[in-house]
N, C-alpha and C. Protein backbone atom coordinates (compact mmCIF):
# COMPACT_ATOMS: atom_id res chain seq x y z
N MET A 1 114.33 78.62 87.83
CA MET A 1 113.96 79.45 88.47
C MET A 1 112.89 78.19 89.68
N THR A 2 113.02 78.44 90.90
CA THR A 2 112.34 77.59 91.91
C THR A 2 111.20 78.34 91.90
N PRO A 3 110.04 77.43 91.79
CA PRO A 3 108.68 78.22 92.06
C PRO A 3 108.35 78.18 93.83
N VAL A 4 107.47 79.33 94.17
CA VAL A 4 107.50 79.60 95.44
C VAL A 4 106.04 78.83 96.02
N THR A 5 106.43 78.03 97.13
CA THR A 5 105.04 77.46 97.68
C THR A 5 105.02 77.80 99.11
N SER A 6 103.73 77.69 99.52
CA SER A 6 103.36 78.05 100.89
C SER A 6 103.46 76.62 101.37
N SER A 7 103.43 76.89 102.99
CA SER A 7 103.50 75.75 103.83
C SER A 7 102.05 74.96 103.74
N MET A 8 101.26 75.52 103.40
CA MET A 8 99.63 74.81 103.31
C MET A 8 99.61 73.96 101.87
N SER A 9 100.42 73.98 101.12
CA SER A 9 100.32 73.26 99.86
C SER A 9 100.31 71.90 100.13
N ARG A 10 100.90 71.33 101.00
CA ARG A 10 100.97 70.03 101.34
C ARG A 10 99.34 69.47 101.77
N SER A 11 98.92 70.11 102.35
CA SER A 11 97.36 69.94 102.87
C SER A 11 96.30 70.03 101.81
N GLY A 12 96.75 70.52 100.71
CA GLY A 12 95.79 70.77 99.41
C GLY A 12 95.29 72.12 99.23
N SER A 13 95.60 73.12 100.09
CA SER A 13 94.89 74.38 99.91
C SER A 13 95.78 75.42 100.13
N ASP A 14 95.98 76.28 99.16
CA ASP A 14 97.15 77.26 99.01
C ASP A 14 96.24 78.40 99.42
N LEU A 15 96.87 79.29 100.48
CA LEU A 15 96.24 80.47 100.88
C LEU A 15 97.27 81.65 101.01
N LEU A 16 96.94 82.79 100.73
CA LEU A 16 97.67 83.91 100.72
C LEU A 16 97.05 84.99 102.05
N TRP A 17 98.15 84.80 102.97
CA TRP A 17 97.49 85.90 104.29
C TRP A 17 98.13 87.20 104.08
N VAL A 18 96.98 88.05 104.07
CA VAL A 18 97.37 89.45 103.75
C VAL A 18 96.92 90.49 105.17
N PRO A 19 97.60 90.91 105.95
CA PRO A 19 97.34 91.68 106.89
C PRO A 19 96.35 92.99 106.60
N LEU A 20 95.47 92.95 107.57
CA LEU A 20 94.61 94.03 107.47
C LEU A 20 95.16 95.38 107.79
N LYS A 21 94.78 96.38 106.99
CA LYS A 21 95.25 97.73 107.04
C LYS A 21 94.18 98.66 107.63
N LYS A 22 94.47 99.45 108.62
CA LYS A 22 93.60 100.51 109.16
C LYS A 22 93.82 101.84 108.50
N THR A 23 92.48 102.47 108.00
CA THR A 23 92.59 103.59 107.47
C THR A 23 92.29 104.55 108.26
N SER A 24 92.63 105.96 107.85
CA SER A 24 92.35 107.02 108.78
C SER A 24 91.40 107.75 108.23
N ASP A 25 90.57 108.57 109.09
CA ASP A 25 89.62 109.65 108.79
C ASP A 25 90.34 110.94 108.15
N ILE A 26 90.44 111.11 106.71
CA ILE A 26 91.16 112.39 106.35
C ILE A 26 89.94 112.84 105.44
N ASP A 27 90.10 114.47 104.88
CA ASP A 27 89.52 114.76 104.12
C ASP A 27 89.94 114.54 102.77
N VAL A 28 89.37 114.07 101.75
CA VAL A 28 90.00 113.72 100.25
C VAL A 28 89.30 114.78 99.35
N SER A 29 88.19 115.51 99.99
CA SER A 29 87.62 116.58 99.18
C SER A 29 88.53 117.61 98.34
N LYS A 30 89.26 118.18 98.91
CA LYS A 30 90.27 119.32 98.51
C LYS A 30 91.15 118.70 97.73
N PRO A 31 91.81 117.67 97.88
CA PRO A 31 93.04 116.82 96.87
C PRO A 31 92.14 116.42 95.60
N LEU A 32 91.11 115.73 95.82
CA LEU A 32 90.32 115.42 94.58
C LEU A 32 89.75 116.55 93.85
N ARG A 33 89.19 117.74 94.46
CA ARG A 33 88.70 118.95 93.95
C ARG A 33 89.86 119.51 92.91
N ASN A 34 91.17 119.41 93.59
CA ASN A 34 92.17 120.23 92.83
C ASN A 34 92.55 119.28 91.67
N LEU A 35 92.73 118.05 91.70
CA LEU A 35 92.89 117.14 90.75
C LEU A 35 92.00 117.17 89.58
N ILE A 36 90.61 116.99 89.82
CA ILE A 36 89.78 117.35 88.81
C ILE A 36 89.80 118.61 88.04
N ALA A 37 90.07 119.66 88.76
CA ALA A 37 89.97 121.08 88.17
C ALA A 37 90.89 121.24 87.40
N SER A 38 92.25 120.76 87.83
CA SER A 38 93.50 120.86 86.98
C SER A 38 93.64 119.98 86.04
N THR A 39 92.84 118.76 85.91
CA THR A 39 92.88 118.03 84.67
C THR A 39 91.68 118.00 83.82
N TYR A 40 90.40 118.60 84.21
CA TYR A 40 89.11 118.56 83.46
C TYR A 40 88.50 119.73 83.25
N SER A 41 88.93 120.84 84.17
CA SER A 41 88.27 122.20 84.03
C SER A 41 89.14 123.29 83.11
N SER A 42 88.21 124.12 82.72
CA SER A 42 88.85 125.25 82.02
C SER A 42 88.40 126.69 82.85
N SER A 43 88.96 127.68 82.27
CA SER A 43 88.64 128.75 82.86
C SER A 43 87.30 129.26 82.27
N ASP A 44 86.78 128.66 80.97
CA ASP A 44 85.56 129.06 80.32
C ASP A 44 84.39 128.07 81.05
N ALA A 45 84.72 127.01 81.11
CA ALA A 45 83.53 126.08 81.91
C ALA A 45 84.18 125.34 83.03
N PRO A 46 83.94 126.13 84.24
CA PRO A 46 84.50 125.14 85.53
C PRO A 46 83.67 124.24 85.74
N ILE A 47 84.01 123.06 86.60
CA ILE A 47 83.22 121.77 86.72
C ILE A 47 82.62 122.01 88.01
N GLN A 48 81.37 121.93 88.28
CA GLN A 48 80.65 122.03 89.51
C GLN A 48 80.68 120.65 89.99
N MET A 49 81.35 120.50 91.24
CA MET A 49 81.40 119.03 91.73
C MET A 49 81.22 118.93 93.20
N GLY A 50 81.04 120.33 93.80
CA GLY A 50 80.91 120.39 95.18
C GLY A 50 79.96 119.18 95.95
N ASP A 51 78.78 119.16 95.44
CA ASP A 51 77.83 118.04 95.99
C ASP A 51 78.50 116.72 96.03
N LYS A 52 78.81 116.17 94.82
CA LYS A 52 79.42 114.89 94.76
C LYS A 52 80.52 114.64 95.38
N LEU A 53 81.65 115.47 95.50
CA LEU A 53 82.37 115.41 96.52
C LEU A 53 82.08 115.13 97.95
N LYS A 54 81.14 116.01 98.36
CA LYS A 54 80.59 115.93 99.79
C LYS A 54 79.93 114.41 99.85
N GLU A 55 79.44 114.08 98.87
CA GLU A 55 78.68 112.71 99.08
C GLU A 55 79.61 111.65 99.29
N PHE A 56 80.78 111.75 98.38
CA PHE A 56 81.91 111.04 98.33
C PHE A 56 82.53 110.71 99.61
N GLN A 57 82.72 112.00 100.21
CA GLN A 57 83.40 111.97 101.41
C GLN A 57 82.45 111.52 102.61
N LYS A 58 81.22 111.50 102.32
CA LYS A 58 80.39 111.15 103.60
C LYS A 58 80.34 109.41 103.36
N LEU A 59 80.41 109.02 102.14
CA LEU A 59 80.43 107.57 101.80
C LEU A 59 81.77 106.79 102.52
N ARG A 60 82.56 107.57 102.27
CA ARG A 60 84.02 107.05 102.88
C ARG A 60 84.15 107.12 104.31
N GLN A 61 83.70 108.15 104.94
CA GLN A 61 83.60 108.14 106.39
C GLN A 61 82.50 107.10 106.92
N GLY A 62 81.49 106.78 106.40
CA GLY A 62 80.57 105.61 106.76
C GLY A 62 81.23 104.48 106.65
N ALA A 63 82.04 104.10 105.56
CA ALA A 63 82.66 103.05 105.33
C ALA A 63 83.91 102.99 106.52
N ILE A 64 84.60 103.98 106.68
CA ILE A 64 85.77 103.96 107.62
C ILE A 64 85.11 103.44 109.13
N ARG A 65 83.88 104.04 109.49
CA ARG A 65 83.19 103.71 110.75
C ARG A 65 82.63 102.43 110.78
N THR A 66 82.13 101.84 109.75
CA THR A 66 81.73 100.83 109.86
C THR A 66 82.88 99.58 109.74
N SER A 67 83.93 99.93 109.32
CA SER A 67 84.95 98.66 109.08
C SER A 67 85.43 98.65 110.55
N GLU A 68 85.27 99.37 111.41
CA GLU A 68 85.98 99.47 112.65
C GLU A 68 85.00 98.88 113.61
N ARG A 69 83.80 98.37 113.26
CA ARG A 69 82.78 97.82 114.30
C ARG A 69 82.76 96.38 113.95
N GLY A 70 83.33 95.73 112.94
CA GLY A 70 83.44 94.15 112.83
C GLY A 70 82.60 93.61 112.08
N GLU A 71 82.19 92.50 112.31
CA GLU A 71 81.50 91.61 111.30
C GLU A 71 80.11 91.97 110.88
N ALA A 72 79.29 92.46 112.11
CA ALA A 72 77.93 92.99 111.95
C ALA A 72 78.25 94.24 110.87
N ALA A 73 78.81 95.25 110.99
CA ALA A 73 78.95 96.28 110.08
C ALA A 73 79.53 95.81 108.82
N ALA A 74 80.03 94.79 108.68
CA ALA A 74 80.40 94.37 107.21
C ALA A 74 79.21 93.74 106.55
N GLN A 75 78.23 93.24 107.34
CA GLN A 75 77.30 92.57 106.68
C GLN A 75 76.13 93.66 106.52
N ALA A 76 76.12 94.66 107.25
CA ALA A 76 75.31 95.84 106.90
C ALA A 76 75.83 96.55 105.57
N ILE A 77 76.93 96.77 105.26
CA ILE A 77 77.40 97.23 104.07
C ILE A 77 77.20 96.35 102.69
N ALA A 78 77.47 94.94 102.96
CA ALA A 78 76.98 94.00 101.87
C ALA A 78 75.36 94.11 101.49
N LYS A 79 74.72 94.56 102.27
CA LYS A 79 73.40 94.69 102.22
C LYS A 79 73.07 95.91 101.10
């Protein structure tokens, strides 16, 4: 089996380039609610998760908007 080498290996550093992927703003609350309810809930004890899913959706939307603004936004997330 022949090892895979990059064109950069001769200079002493091996790098793997991965293209950036853009995400879209979608509502993940309903699919997550259905998955959690079908997996962990019963008719006797339904799981209350509305507030946590809203918080998750809000954080996700903030991350999407921030990622679109560039380096300054990335530094704001890191803080």
